[in-house]
């Protein structure tokens, strides 16, 4: 009987065409994946891959074996996940993707409590400003906004993402406040260039009464990272716009002040993304429940709402 590790290594290698790519998805080394596949070939008595320096190619026997496995591997994984969930001890590598600013400010401080509750889970958290492909890249979950909901991916909304204008008290003491978002053009603007599109994002701001005005920002300082935008504002260099979670601690401490407190822009939702499975692995389910619990405890949905003024 083949071990699940050997079968997983074979299937992921076949899907990606590379031991290295399969290793990243399985949280193993390429050597370990290659060894698992070689053991499978030896036990079956057939060669499953044609190996070259560039790519793996399935042999005729390999193609037939992959087709025969079909969805049976997923069924086995789901069965193991169910057992893991039932014994009350979630375990394994938990691969998460999260934006650096949100991850460092809100998620990482929760890690000690999470590990105390689930000591057999090993976090592998990637802090990155991009929408990852959860299934292709082997992530268990991701937290962020703007992800495309590919087939097999579920999004659970955690809070609204509202973008607001803000500046330091020192800067605002030297400049008159605008009456509405169109007046932001008269102030020094700290703006962000998108890493993906290369463009500077513009916003239409609104009020609870239904007013809507374009926020015209002067491009005085241009950066490509939300943390840099925030730091430039803390230095008193101008007015900036970011989602509330990126600046909440500094707003609550008074180091930053909201400009136009009645106005905000809608940037969608902050969501928890995870692959859709009939039976989620215990490690993933425990992480989802833990994050949702933390959001409720800290009242983040209300505190992140820019519409409250």
C-alpha atoms as a PDB file:
ATOM      1  CA  UNK A   1       0.000   0.000   0.000  1.00  0.00           C
ATOM      2  CA  UNK A   2       1.427   3.383  -1.008  1.00  0.00           C
ATOM      3  CA  UNK A   3       1.707   6.127   1.574  1.00  0.00           C
ATOM      4  CA  UNK A   4      -0.301   9.312   1.086  1.00  0.00           C
ATOM      5  CA  UNK A   5       2.953  11.302   0.908  1.00  0.00           C
ATOM      6  CA  UNK A   6       4.106   9.337  -2.148  1.00  0.00           C
ATOM      7  CA  UNK A   7       0.774   9.781  -3.924  1.00  0.00           C
ATOM      8  CA  UNK A   8       0.601  13.509  -3.070  1.00  0.00           C
ATOM      9  CA  UNK A   9       4.128  14.033  -4.338  1.00  0.00           C
ATOM     10  CA  UNK A  10       3.278  12.311  -7.611  1.00  0.00           C
ATOM     11  CA  UNK A  11       0.016  14.200  -8.217  1.00  0.00           C
ATOM     12  CA  UNK A  12       1.433  17.644  -7.344  1.00  0.00           C
ATOM     13  CA  UNK A  13       4.517  17.015  -9.483  1.00  0.00           C
ATOM     14  CA  UNK A  14       2.309  15.985 -12.388  1.00  0.00           C
ATOM     15  CA  UNK A  15       0.131  19.089 -11.996  1.00  0.00           C
ATOM     16  CA  UNK A  16       3.056  21.512 -11.819  1.00  0.00           C
ATOM     17  CA  UNK A  17       5.585  19.730 -14.026  1.00  0.00           C
ATOM     18  CA  UNK A  18       8.288  20.262 -11.434  1.00  0.00           C
ATOM     19  CA  UNK A  19       9.508  18.681  -8.207  1.00  0.00           C
ATOM     20  CA  UNK A  20      10.391  22.169  -6.918  1.00  0.00           C
ATOM     21  CA  UNK A  21       6.898  23.572  -7.511  1.00  0.00           C
ATOM     22  CA  UNK A  22       5.331  20.487  -5.950  1.00  0.00           C
ATOM     23  CA  UNK A  23       7.647  20.854  -2.946  1.00  0.00           C
ATOM     24  CA  UNK A  24       6.462  24.435  -2.381  1.00  0.00           C
ATOM     25  CA  UNK A  25       2.841  23.301  -2.364  1.00  0.00           C
ATOM     26  CA  UNK A  26       3.544  20.412   0.001  1.00  0.00           C
ATOM     27  CA  UNK A  27       5.948  22.304   2.312  1.00  0.00           C
ATOM     28  CA  UNK A  28       8.670  19.741   1.576  1.00  0.00           C
ATOM     29  CA  UNK A  29      12.107  19.930  -0.023  1.00  0.00           C
ATOM     30  CA  UNK A  30      12.445  19.095  -3.741  1.00  0.00           C
ATOM     31  CA  UNK A  31      14.694  16.186  -2.742  1.00  0.00           C
ATOM     32  CA  UNK A  32      11.961  14.760  -0.514  1.00  0.00           C
ATOM     33  CA  UNK A  33       9.367  15.008  -3.292  1.00  0.00           C
ATOM     34  CA  UNK A  34      11.746  13.369  -5.784  1.00  0.00           C
ATOM     35  CA  UNK A  35      12.458  10.609  -3.278  1.00  0.00           C
ATOM     36  CA  UNK A  36       8.738   9.980  -2.700  1.00  0.00           C
ATOM     37  CA  UNK A  37       8.083   9.739  -6.436  1.00  0.00           C
ATOM     38  CA  UNK A  38      11.060   7.424  -6.951  1.00  0.00           C
ATOM     39  CA  UNK A  39       9.759   5.165  -4.182  1.00  0.00           C
ATOM     40  CA  UNK A  40       6.343   5.108  -5.817  1.00  0.00           C
ATOM     41  CA  UNK A  41       7.888   4.173  -9.185  1.00  0.00           C
ATOM     42  CA  UNK A  42       9.952   1.438  -7.574  1.00  0.00           C
ATOM     43  CA  UNK A  43       6.953  -0.031  -5.789  1.00  0.00           C
ATOM     44  CA  UNK A  44       4.795   0.081  -8.917  1.00  0.00           C
ATOM     45  CA  UNK A  45       7.578  -1.195 -11.146  1.00  0.00           C
ATOM     46  CA  UNK A  46       7.003   1.464 -13.821  1.00  0.00           C
ATOM     47  CA  UNK A  47       8.485   4.870 -14.711  1.00  0.00           C
ATOM     48  CA  UNK A  48       5.910   7.609 -14.186  1.00  0.00           C
ATOM     49  CA  UNK A  49       7.933  10.627 -15.381  1.00  0.00           C
ATOM     50  CA  UNK A  50      10.418  11.404 -18.096  1.00  0.00           C
ATOM     51  CA  UNK A  51      12.909  13.668 -16.330  1.00  0.00           C
ATOM     52  CA  UNK A  52      14.875  16.496 -17.949  1.00  0.00           C
ATOM     53  CA  UNK A  53      16.752  19.488 -16.577  1.00  0.00           C
ATOM     54  CA  UNK A  54      13.828  21.731 -17.525  1.00  0.00           C
ATOM     55  CA  UNK A  55      10.622  19.841 -16.913  1.00  0.00           C
ATOM     56  CA  UNK A  56       8.934  16.652 -15.841  1.00  0.00           C
ATOM     57  CA  UNK A  57       6.773  14.914 -18.436  1.00  0.00           C
ATOM     58  CA  UNK A  58       4.374  12.106 -17.658  1.00  0.00           C
ATOM     59  CA  UNK A  59       5.023   8.792 -19.354  1.00  0.00           C
ATOM     60  CA  UNK A  60       2.116   6.860 -20.827  1.00  0.00           C
ATOM     61  CA  UNK A  61       1.993   4.819 -17.617  1.00  0.00           C
ATOM     62  CA  UNK A  62       2.126   8.021 -15.568  1.00  0.00           C
ATOM     63  CA  UNK A  63      -0.804   9.531 -17.461  1.00  0.00           C
ATOM     64  CA  UNK A  64      -2.849   6.373 -16.970  1.00  0.00           C
ATOM     65  CA  UNK A  65      -2.014   6.255 -13.247  1.00  0.00           C
ATOM     66  CA  UNK A  66      -2.908   9.943 -12.755  1.00  0.00           C
ATOM     67  CA  UNK A  67      -6.251   9.405 -14.504  1.00  0.00           C
ATOM     68  CA  UNK A  68      -6.914   6.326 -12.362  1.00  0.00           C
ATOM     69  CA  UNK A  69      -6.274   8.261  -9.157  1.00  0.00           C
ATOM     70  CA  UNK A  70      -8.816  10.924 -10.183  1.00  0.00           C
ATOM     71  CA  UNK A  71     -10.545  12.406  -7.144  1.00  0.00           C
ATOM     72  CA  UNK A  72      -9.527   9.550  -4.878  1.00  0.00           C
ATOM     73  CA  UNK A  73      -6.580  11.525  -3.507  1.00  0.00           C
ATOM     74  CA  UNK A  74      -8.896  14.334  -2.436  1.00  0.00           C
ATOM     75  CA  UNK A  75     -11.189  11.815  -0.781  1.00  0.00           C
ATOM     76  CA  UNK A  76      -8.261  10.415   1.194  1.00  0.00           C
ATOM     77  CA  UNK A  77      -7.151  13.927   2.204  1.00  0.00           C
ATOM     78  CA  UNK A  78     -10.681  14.790   3.314  1.00  0.00           C
ATOM     79  CA  UNK A  79     -10.901  11.600   5.346  1.00  0.00           C
ATOM     80  CA  UNK A  80      -7.619  12.395   7.095  1.00  0.00           C
ATOM     81  CA  UNK A  81      -8.765  15.978   7.649  1.00  0.00           C
ATOM     82  CA  UNK A  82     -11.945  14.725   9.284  1.00  0.00           C
ATOM     83  CA  UNK A  83      -9.986  12.515  11.666  1.00  0.00           C
ATOM     84  CA  UNK A  84      -7.645  15.398  12.489  1.00  0.00           C
ATOM     85  CA  UNK A  85     -10.593  17.636  13.239  1.00  0.00           C
ATOM     86  CA  UNK A  86     -12.345  15.019  15.338  1.00  0.00           C
ATOM     87  CA  UNK A  87      -9.413  14.314  17.669  1.00  0.00           C
ATOM     88  CA  UNK A  88      -9.343  17.941  18.779  1.00  0.00           C
ATOM     89  CA  UNK A  89      -5.664  18.404  17.870  1.00  0.00           C
ATOM     90  CA  UNK A  90      -5.222  20.224  14.549  1.00  0.00           C
ATOM     91  CA  UNK A  91      -1.725  19.653  13.179  1.00  0.00           C
ATOM     92  CA  UNK A  92       0.531  20.336  10.213  1.00  0.00           C
ATOM     93  CA  UNK A  93       2.004  23.239   8.276  1.00  0.00           C
ATOM     94  CA  UNK A  94      -0.400  26.174   8.004  1.00  0.00           C
ATOM     95  CA  UNK A  95       0.542  28.207   4.915  1.00  0.00           C
ATOM     96  CA  UNK A  96      -1.030  31.676   4.995  1.00  0.00           C
ATOM     97  CA  UNK A  97      -0.709  34.763   2.767  1.00  0.00           C
ATOM     98  CA  UNK A  98      -1.400  38.223   4.203  1.00  0.00           C
ATOM     99  CA  UNK A  99      -0.486  41.818   3.333  1.00  0.00           C
ATOM    100  CA  UNK A 100       2.586  42.955   5.322  1.00  0.00           C
ATOM    101  CA  UNK A 101       0.962  45.951   7.012  1.00  0.00           C
ATOM    102  CA  UNK A 102      -2.171  44.079   8.102  1.00  0.00           C
ATOM    103  CA  UNK A 103      -0.234  40.944   9.004  1.00  0.00           C
ATOM    104  CA  UNK A 104       2.311  42.704  11.195  1.00  0.00           C
ATOM    105  CA  UNK A 105      -0.188  45.012  12.921  1.00  0.00           C
ATOM    106  CA  UNK A 106      -3.115  42.638  13.477  1.00  0.00           C
ATOM    107  CA  UNK A 107      -2.368  38.993  12.671  1.00  0.00           C
ATOM    108  CA  UNK A 108       1.134  38.392  14.030  1.00  0.00           C
ATOM    109  CA  UNK A 109       0.255  39.653  17.554  1.00  0.00           C
ATOM    110  CA  UNK A 110      -2.332  36.838  17.697  1.00  0.00           C
ATOM    111  CA  UNK A 111       0.259  34.135  17.037  1.00  0.00           C
ATOM    112  CA  UNK A 112       1.256  33.400  20.674  1.00  0.00           C
ATOM    113  CA  UNK A 113      -2.364  32.753  21.638  1.00  0.00           C
ATOM    114  CA  UNK A 114      -2.948  30.668  18.512  1.00  0.00           C
ATOM    115  CA  UNK A 115       0.107  28.470  19.137  1.00  0.00           C
ATOM    116  CA  UNK A 116      -0.803  28.021  22.775  1.00  0.00           C
ATOM    117  CA  UNK A 117      -4.216  26.785  21.699  1.00  0.00           C
ATOM    118  CA  UNK A 118      -2.949  24.680  18.771  1.00  0.00           C
ATOM    119  CA  UNK A 119       0.639  23.623  19.567  1.00  0.00           C
ATOM    120  CA  UNK A 120       0.809  20.998  16.796  1.00  0.00           C
ATOM    121  CA  UNK A 121       0.206  23.544  14.033  1.00  0.00           C
ATOM    122  CA  UNK A 122       3.354  24.964  12.394  1.00  0.00           C
ATOM    123  CA  UNK A 123       2.765  28.428  10.900  1.00  0.00           C
ATOM    124  CA  UNK A 124       4.269  29.304   7.551  1.00  0.00           C
ATOM    125  CA  UNK A 125       3.037  32.838   6.998  1.00  0.00           C
ATOM    126  CA  UNK A 126       3.929  34.816   3.879  1.00  0.00           C
ATOM    127  CA  UNK A 127       3.724  38.614   4.143  1.00  0.00           C
ATOM    128  CA  UNK A 128       3.194  39.870   0.595  1.00  0.00           C
ATOM    129  CA  UNK A 129       1.322  42.586  -1.287  1.00  0.00           C
ATOM    130  CA  UNK A 130      -0.292  40.400  -3.931  1.00  0.00           C
ATOM    131  CA  UNK A 131      -3.367  38.286  -4.497  1.00  0.00           C
ATOM    132  CA  UNK A 132      -2.001  34.732  -4.460  1.00  0.00           C
ATOM    133  CA  UNK A 133      -3.470  31.721  -6.241  1.00  0.00           C
ATOM    134  CA  UNK A 134      -4.458  29.674  -3.195  1.00  0.00           C
ATOM    135  CA  UNK A 135      -4.924  26.359  -4.929  1.00  0.00           C
ATOM    136  CA  UNK A 136      -2.058  26.501  -7.444  1.00  0.00           C
ATOM    137  CA  UNK A 137       0.415  27.806  -4.846  1.00  0.00           C
ATOM    138  CA  UNK A 138      -0.712  25.513  -2.058  1.00  0.00           C
ATOM    139  CA  UNK A 139      -1.939  28.094   0.472  1.00  0.00           C
ATOM    140  CA  UNK A 140      -4.313  27.020   3.211  1.00  0.00           C
ATOM    141  CA  UNK A 141      -5.787  30.522   3.549  1.00  0.00           C
ATOM    142  CA  UNK A 142      -5.192  34.191   2.790  1.00  0.00           C
ATOM    143  CA  UNK A 143      -6.399  37.473   4.264  1.00  0.00           C
ATOM    144  CA  UNK A 144      -6.790  40.527   2.074  1.00  0.00           C
ATOM    145  CA  UNK A 145      -9.011  42.242  -0.441  1.00  0.00           C
ATOM    146  CA  UNK A 146      -9.569  42.156  -4.159  1.00  0.00           C
ATOM    147  CA  UNK A 147      -8.921  38.444  -4.718  1.00  0.00           C
ATOM    148  CA  UNK A 148     -10.551  36.865  -7.749  1.00  0.00           C
ATOM    149  CA  UNK A 149     -12.798  34.049  -6.595  1.00  0.00           C
ATOM    150  CA  UNK A 150     -11.404  31.203  -8.681  1.00  0.00           C
ATOM    151  CA  UNK A 151     -13.215  27.893  -8.796  1.00  0.00           C
ATOM    152  CA  UNK A 152     -12.872  26.141  -5.464  1.00  0.00           C
ATOM    153  CA  UNK A 153     -12.132  29.269  -3.387  1.00  0.00           C
ATOM    154  CA  UNK A 154     -14.413  30.645  -0.664  1.00  0.00           C
ATOM    155  CA  UNK A 155     -14.370  34.232   0.658  1.00  0.00           C
ATOM    156  CA  UNK A 156     -15.587  35.018   4.180  1.00  0.00           C
ATOM    157  CA  UNK A 157     -16.010  38.751   4.795  1.00  0.00           C
ATOM    158  CA  UNK A 158     -14.339  40.033   7.952  1.00  0.00           C
ATOM    159  CA  UNK A 159     -14.928  43.785   7.614  1.00  0.00           C
ATOM    160  CA  UNK A 160     -15.557  46.529   5.079  1.00  0.00           C
ATOM    161  CA  UNK A 161     -12.465  48.175   3.608  1.00  0.00           C
ATOM    162  CA  UNK A 162     -13.032  51.910   3.766  1.00  0.00           C
ATOM    163  CA  UNK A 163     -10.378  54.323   2.494  1.00  0.00           C
ATOM    164  CA  UNK A 164     -10.046  57.632   4.347  1.00  0.00           C
ATOM    165  CA  UNK A 165      -7.909  60.778   4.103  1.00  0.00           C
ATOM    166  CA  UNK A 166      -5.533  61.607   6.966  1.00  0.00           C
ATOM    167  CA  UNK A 167      -2.525  63.696   7.928  1.00  0.00           C
ATOM    168  CA  UNK A 168      -0.416  64.572  10.967  1.00  0.00           C
ATOM    169  CA  UNK A 169      -1.646  67.242  13.401  1.00  0.00           C
ATOM    170  CA  UNK A 170       1.481  69.289  12.634  1.00  0.00           C
ATOM    171  CA  UNK A 171       0.722  69.347   8.908  1.00  0.00           C
ATOM    172  CA  UNK A 172      -2.933  70.262   9.432  1.00  0.00           C
ATOM    173  CA  UNK A 173      -1.934  73.082  11.771  1.00  0.00           C
ATOM    174  CA  UNK A 174      -0.130  74.737   8.825  1.00  0.00           C
ATOM    175  CA  UNK A 175      -2.808  74.197   6.183  1.00  0.00           C
ATOM    176  CA  UNK A 176      -6.529  75.001   5.924  1.00  0.00           C
ATOM    177  CA  UNK A 177      -8.884  72.035   5.870  1.00  0.00           C
ATOM    178  CA  UNK A 178     -10.790  71.394   2.614  1.00  0.00           C
ATOM    179  CA  UNK A 179     -14.577  71.561   2.560  1.00  0.00           C
ATOM    180  CA  UNK A 180     -14.942  68.386   0.468  1.00  0.00           C
ATOM    181  CA  UNK A 181     -12.705  65.847  -1.322  1.00  0.00           C
ATOM    182  CA  UNK A 182     -12.181  68.100  -4.342  1.00  0.00           C
ATOM    183  CA  UNK A 183     -10.259  70.473  -2.063  1.00  0.00           C
ATOM    184  CA  UNK A 184      -7.539  67.886  -1.391  1.00  0.00           C
ATOM    185  CA  UNK A 185      -5.845  69.057  -4.599  1.00  0.00           C
ATOM    186  CA  UNK A 186      -4.743  72.200  -2.718  1.00  0.00           C
ATOM    187  CA  UNK A 187      -2.706  70.138  -0.235  1.00  0.00           C
ATOM    188  CA  UNK A 188       0.511  68.111  -0.579  1.00  0.00           C
ATOM    189  CA  UNK A 189      -0.526  64.620  -1.611  1.00  0.00           C
ATOM    190  CA  UNK A 190       1.227  61.394  -0.547  1.00  0.00           C
ATOM    191  CA  UNK A 191       0.017  58.881  -3.122  1.00  0.00           C
ATOM    192  CA  UNK A 192       0.696  55.227  -3.848  1.00  0.00           C
ATOM    193  CA  UNK A 193       1.553  53.622  -7.175  1.00  0.00           C
ATOM    194  CA  UNK A 194       0.082  50.154  -7.613  1.00  0.00           C
ATOM    195  CA  UNK A 195       2.607  47.311  -7.747  1.00  0.00           C
ATOM    196  CA  UNK A 196       0.401  45.363 -10.159  1.00  0.00           C
ATOM    197  CA  UNK A 197      -0.837  48.030 -12.579  1.00  0.00           C
ATOM    198  CA  UNK A 198       1.827  50.710 -12.170  1.00  0.00           C
ATOM    199  CA  UNK A 199      -0.930  53.311 -11.875  1.00  0.00           C
ATOM    200  CA  UNK A 200      -1.781  55.711  -9.091  1.00  0.00           C
ATOM    201  CA  UNK A 201      -5.144  54.773  -7.599  1.00  0.00           C
ATOM    202  CA  UNK A 202      -7.823  57.467  -7.474  1.00  0.00           C
ATOM    203  CA  UNK A 203     -10.932  57.379  -5.302  1.00  0.00           C
ATOM    204  CA  UNK A 204     -14.487  58.663  -5.295  1.00  0.00           C
ATOM    205  CA  UNK A 205     -15.417  59.562  -1.723  1.00  0.00           C
ATOM    206  CA  UNK A 206     -18.935  59.436  -0.350  1.00  0.00           C
ATOM    207  CA  UNK A 207     -21.022  60.296   2.703  1.00  0.00           C
ATOM    208  CA  UNK A 208     -23.835  58.464   4.460  1.00  0.00           C
ATOM    209  CA  UNK A 209     -26.197  61.059   2.961  1.00  0.00           C
ATOM    210  CA  UNK A 210     -25.321  59.817  -0.538  1.00  0.00           C
ATOM    211  CA  UNK A 211     -23.016  62.640  -1.665  1.00  0.00           C
ATOM    212  CA  UNK A 212     -20.144  61.530  -3.916  1.00  0.00           C
ATOM    213  CA  UNK A 213     -17.095  63.601  -4.935  1.00  0.00           C
ATOM    214  CA  UNK A 214     -13.837  62.621  -6.640  1.00  0.00           C
ATOM    215  CA  UNK A 215     -10.810  62.959  -4.356  1.00  0.00           C
ATOM    216  CA  UNK A 216      -8.255  64.773  -6.490  1.00  0.00           C
ATOM    217  CA  UNK A 217      -4.797  64.365  -4.959  1.00  0.00           C
ATOM    218  CA  UNK A 218      -1.702  66.320  -5.905  1.00  0.00           C
ATOM    219  CA  UNK A 219       1.158  63.884  -6.549  1.00  0.00           C
ATOM    220  CA  UNK A 220       3.708  65.555  -4.311  1.00  0.00           C
ATOM    221  CA  UNK A 221       5.221  62.285  -3.034  1.00  0.00           C
ATOM    222  CA  UNK A 222       4.786  58.912  -4.761  1.00  0.00           C
ATOM    223  CA  UNK A 223       5.603  55.582  -3.071  1.00  0.00           C
ATOM    224  CA  UNK A 224       4.558  51.974  -3.711  1.00  0.00           C
ATOM    225  CA  UNK A 225       3.859  50.629  -0.227  1.00  0.00           C
ATOM    226  CA  UNK A 226       1.087  51.472   2.274  1.00  0.00           C
ATOM    227  CA  UNK A 227       3.505  51.517   5.222  1.00  0.00           C
ATOM    228  CA  UNK A 228       5.612  54.105   3.399  1.00  0.00           C
ATOM    229  CA  UNK A 229       2.508  56.219   2.765  1.00  0.00           C
ATOM    230  CA  UNK A 230       1.682  56.140   6.472  1.00  0.00           C
ATOM    231  CA  UNK A 231       5.240  56.951   7.557  1.00  0.00           C
ATOM    232  CA  UNK A 232       5.424  59.913   5.183  1.00  0.00           C
ATOM    233  CA  UNK A 233       2.188  61.250   6.683  1.00  0.00           C
ATOM    234  CA  UNK A 234       3.568  60.791  10.214  1.00  0.00           C
ATOM    235  CA  UNK A 235       6.553  62.907   9.170  1.00  0.00           C
ATOM    236  CA  UNK A 236       4.169  65.739   8.361  1.00  0.00           C
ATOM    237  CA  UNK A 237       4.799  65.664   4.607  1.00  0.00           C
ATOM    238  CA  UNK A 238       1.196  65.871   3.446  1.00  0.00           C
ATOM    239  CA  UNK A 239      -2.234  64.271   3.217  1.00  0.00           C
ATOM    240  CA  UNK A 240      -2.643  60.604   2.289  1.00  0.00           C
ATOM    241  CA  UNK A 241      -5.394  58.056   1.700  1.00  0.00           C
ATOM    242  CA  UNK A 242      -5.343  54.460   2.935  1.00  0.00           C
ATOM    243  CA  UNK A 243      -7.755  51.852   4.236  1.00  0.00           C
ATOM    244  CA  UNK A 244      -8.628  52.331   7.913  1.00  0.00           C
ATOM    245  CA  UNK A 245      -6.764  49.174   9.136  1.00  0.00           C
ATOM    246  CA  UNK A 246      -3.497  50.619   7.778  1.00  0.00           C
ATOM    247  CA  UNK A 247      -3.725  53.657  10.072  1.00  0.00           C
ATOM    248  CA  UNK A 248      -6.124  52.769  12.910  1.00  0.00           C
ATOM    249  CA  UNK A 249      -3.547  52.557  15.765  1.00  0.00           C
ATOM    250  CA  UNK A 250      -2.141  55.973  14.823  1.00  0.00           C
ATOM    251  CA  UNK A 251      -5.602  57.516  14.535  1.00  0.00           C
ATOM    252  CA  UNK A 252      -6.548  56.160  17.952  1.00  0.00           C
ATOM    253  CA  UNK A 253      -3.311  57.503  19.481  1.00  0.00           C
ATOM    254  CA  UNK A 254      -3.755  60.929  17.869  1.00  0.00           C
ATOM    255  CA  UNK A 255      -0.499  60.731  15.900  1.00  0.00           C
ATOM    256  CA  UNK A 256      -2.596  60.976  12.749  1.00  0.00           C
ATOM    257  CA  UNK A 257      -5.842  62.882  12.277  1.00  0.00           C
ATOM    258  CA  UNK A 258      -8.618  62.108   9.867  1.00  0.00           C
ATOM    259  CA  UNK A 259      -9.233  64.734   7.188  1.00  0.00           C
ATOM    260  CA  UNK A 260     -12.850  65.104   5.987  1.00  0.00           C
ATOM    261  CA  UNK A 261     -14.211  62.749   8.679  1.00  0.00           C
ATOM    262  CA  UNK A 262     -17.639  62.509   7.020  1.00  0.00           C
ATOM    263  CA  UNK A 263     -16.142  61.180   3.785  1.00  0.00           C
ATOM    264  CA  UNK A 264     -14.788  57.760   2.830  1.00  0.00           C
ATOM    265  CA  UNK A 265     -14.226  55.606  -0.261  1.00  0.00           C
ATOM    266  CA  UNK A 266     -15.384  51.999  -0.628  1.00  0.00           C
ATOM    267  CA  UNK A 267     -12.536  49.584  -1.446  1.00  0.00           C
ATOM    268  CA  UNK A 268     -14.565  46.382  -1.137  1.00  0.00           C
ATOM    269  CA  UNK A 269     -14.105  43.983   1.763  1.00  0.00           C
ATOM    270  CA  UNK A 270     -11.351  42.555   3.902  1.00  0.00           C
ATOM    271  CA  UNK A 271     -11.923  38.825   3.561  1.00  0.00           C
ATOM    272  CA  UNK A 272     -10.584  35.490   4.672  1.00  0.00           C
ATOM    273  CA  UNK A 273     -10.041  33.249   1.624  1.00  0.00           C
ATOM    274  CA  UNK A 274      -9.624  29.485   1.729  1.00  0.00           C
ATOM    275  CA  UNK A 275     -10.039  26.516  -0.627  1.00  0.00           C
ATOM    276  CA  UNK A 276     -13.521  25.080  -0.652  1.00  0.00           C
ATOM    277  CA  UNK A 277     -13.539  21.535   0.650  1.00  0.00           C
ATOM    278  CA  UNK A 278     -16.278  19.329   1.973  1.00  0.00           C
ATOM    279  CA  UNK A 279     -14.111  18.695   5.003  1.00  0.00           C
ATOM    280  CA  UNK A 280     -11.507  21.339   5.774  1.00  0.00           C
ATOM    281  CA  UNK A 281      -8.279  20.194   7.465  1.00  0.00           C
ATOM    282  CA  UNK A 282      -8.352  20.790  11.197  1.00  0.00           C
ATOM    283  CA  UNK A 283      -5.457  23.274  10.978  1.00  0.00           C
ATOM    284  CA  UNK A 284      -7.362  25.425   8.439  1.00  0.00           C
ATOM    285  CA  UNK A 285     -10.679  25.270  10.250  1.00  0.00           C
ATOM    286  CA  UNK A 286      -9.018  26.193  13.555  1.00  0.00           C
ATOM    287  CA  UNK A 287      -7.309  29.186  11.921  1.00  0.00           C
ATOM    288  CA  UNK A 288     -10.548  30.420  10.325  1.00  0.00           C
ATOM    289  CA  UNK A 289     -12.483  30.134  13.578  1.00  0.00           C
ATOM    290  CA  UNK A 290      -9.647  31.775  15.520  1.00  0.00           C
ATOM    291  CA  UNK A 291      -9.458  34.793  13.198  1.00  0.00           C
ATOM    292  CA  UNK A 292     -13.232  35.279  13.158  1.00  0.00           C
ATOM    293  CA  UNK A 293     -13.290  35.068  16.952  1.00  0.00           C
ATOM    294  CA  UNK A 294     -10.490  37.660  17.226  1.00  0.00           C
ATOM    295  CA  UNK A 295     -12.320  40.072  14.890  1.00  0.00           C
ATOM    296  CA  UNK A 296     -15.451  39.805  16.991  1.00  0.00           C
ATOM    297  CA  UNK A 297     -13.546  40.210  20.256  1.00  0.00           C
ATOM    298  CA  UNK A 298     -11.646  43.281  19.053  1.00  0.00           C
ATOM    299  CA  UNK A 299     -14.735  44.771  17.333  1.00  0.00           C
ATOM    300  CA  UNK A 300     -12.691  45.311  14.185  1.00  0.00           C
ATOM    301  CA  UNK A 301     -15.660  45.452  11.796  1.00  0.00           C
ATOM    302  CA  UNK A 302     -16.943  48.575  13.581  1.00  0.00           C
ATOM    303  CA  UNK A 303     -13.501  50.115  14.194  1.00  0.00           C
ATOM    304  CA  UNK A 304     -12.511  49.675  10.536  1.00  0.00           C
ATOM    305  CA  UNK A 305     -15.680  51.393   9.289  1.00  0.00           C
ATOM    306  CA  UNK A 306     -14.791  54.776   7.789  1.00  0.00           C
ATOM    307  CA  UNK A 307     -18.491  55.577   7.429  1.00  0.00           C
ATOM    308  CA  UNK A 308     -18.798  56.204  11.180  1.00  0.00           C
ATOM    309  CA  UNK A 309     -16.771  59.429  11.031  1.00  0.00           C
END
